[in-house]
Amino acid sequence: MAPLPRLTRRALIAGAGAGLLSACASPGPTPAGPSSAPHSPSPSCATPSATEEPPVCGAPAPTPSATGATASGLELPPRDAIVARFADRTPTQWGLDVTGVVTRTPGPAVALTLDGCGGPNGSGVDTALLDFLIAEQFAATLFLNQRWITANRPTFDRLATRPDLFTIANHGTRHAPLSVTGRSAYGIAGTKDAGEVYDEVAGNHAFLTELLGRPPRFFRAGTAWYDEVAVEIVRALGELPIGFDVNADGGATYPAATVAAETAKATPGSIVIGHLNAPQGATFEGLRTALPALRERGLTFATLDALGVA
């Protein structure tokens, strides 16, 4: 498709009938993250407690069995085995960049990553942003939460037909920070033990495997906060825990000028994080400026699976 010069949100949304479909639920106001941790990517994505069921507006998701079997026949390690292996481990790290989290790639390209967080304040679709990426051929890895997918199946299905541009990755079942001790980030309660870590990763792993016919390779926790024991569990489940080194949109709270300025810090090998679930924010306007400018500087863009991430 030929590039569309000087695309505007209004022009793109006007053509949404030929582009990606809108959400079945709109995000609400975006709460600000605490000043003590200004770089978290996801304060805008509300998360229920670890015991609250995710809302479903489509077919119910498959859930992992006690043996880890998914509906497609692919196997995860049994939940009981993971719990037994990690139950007595005590983490010493908690944050965005702990041992085992991938925050950069070997390059040479930039890895643009966009989160779809789901839930009452995170199930929107920034159609203008997605249409821009497609029109301008910017590759991206899309971290999609189970709740976002169930709220936006037509959009998900269309994204899944573009493996040339998009890799779909796991953003959790309920969008919880990943902890084995119940630690919180931005007032959002994390998973409280190894079993809940398993459920947060494996639930959406099974769901995505059923939808895509293959398991996801990459995982990002809700809010992107982890402890190092939870990170080991993610890896034991066959996925790579992904962080970032460039925070493009501050959880979809930054104004367009800040999104552009932060994204401009990317270098070959950077993992840039932004959000695709907040059309009320300025992520699209900022990336519309920043991504072509990076390309003019000679940078290229690729999905995580094309960059040899391990």
Foldseek 3Di string as FASTA:
>chain_A
DAADPPDDLVVQVVPCVVFFDKWLAAADDQDAFDPVAQQQQASQFDFDALPDAFDFPADDFFFADQCQAFPLRDGFHGLVVQCVVQQPDDFDDKDQDEPQAAAWFPFQFEEEEAEQRADNRRQTFQRSQVVNCVNVVFAYEYAYEPRNCRRRVRRVVVQLVPPVRYHYAHAWHGQAAAEQCQDHGRPGTHQHHSSSLCRRGSRVQSRVCVVNVHGHAEYAGRSSMYTVSSQVSCVSRRHGYYGWDFEQCSSLPDALVSSQVRLLPDHTGTYYYHYRRHNVGHNRSNCVPRVVVVVVVVHGYDHPVVRPGD
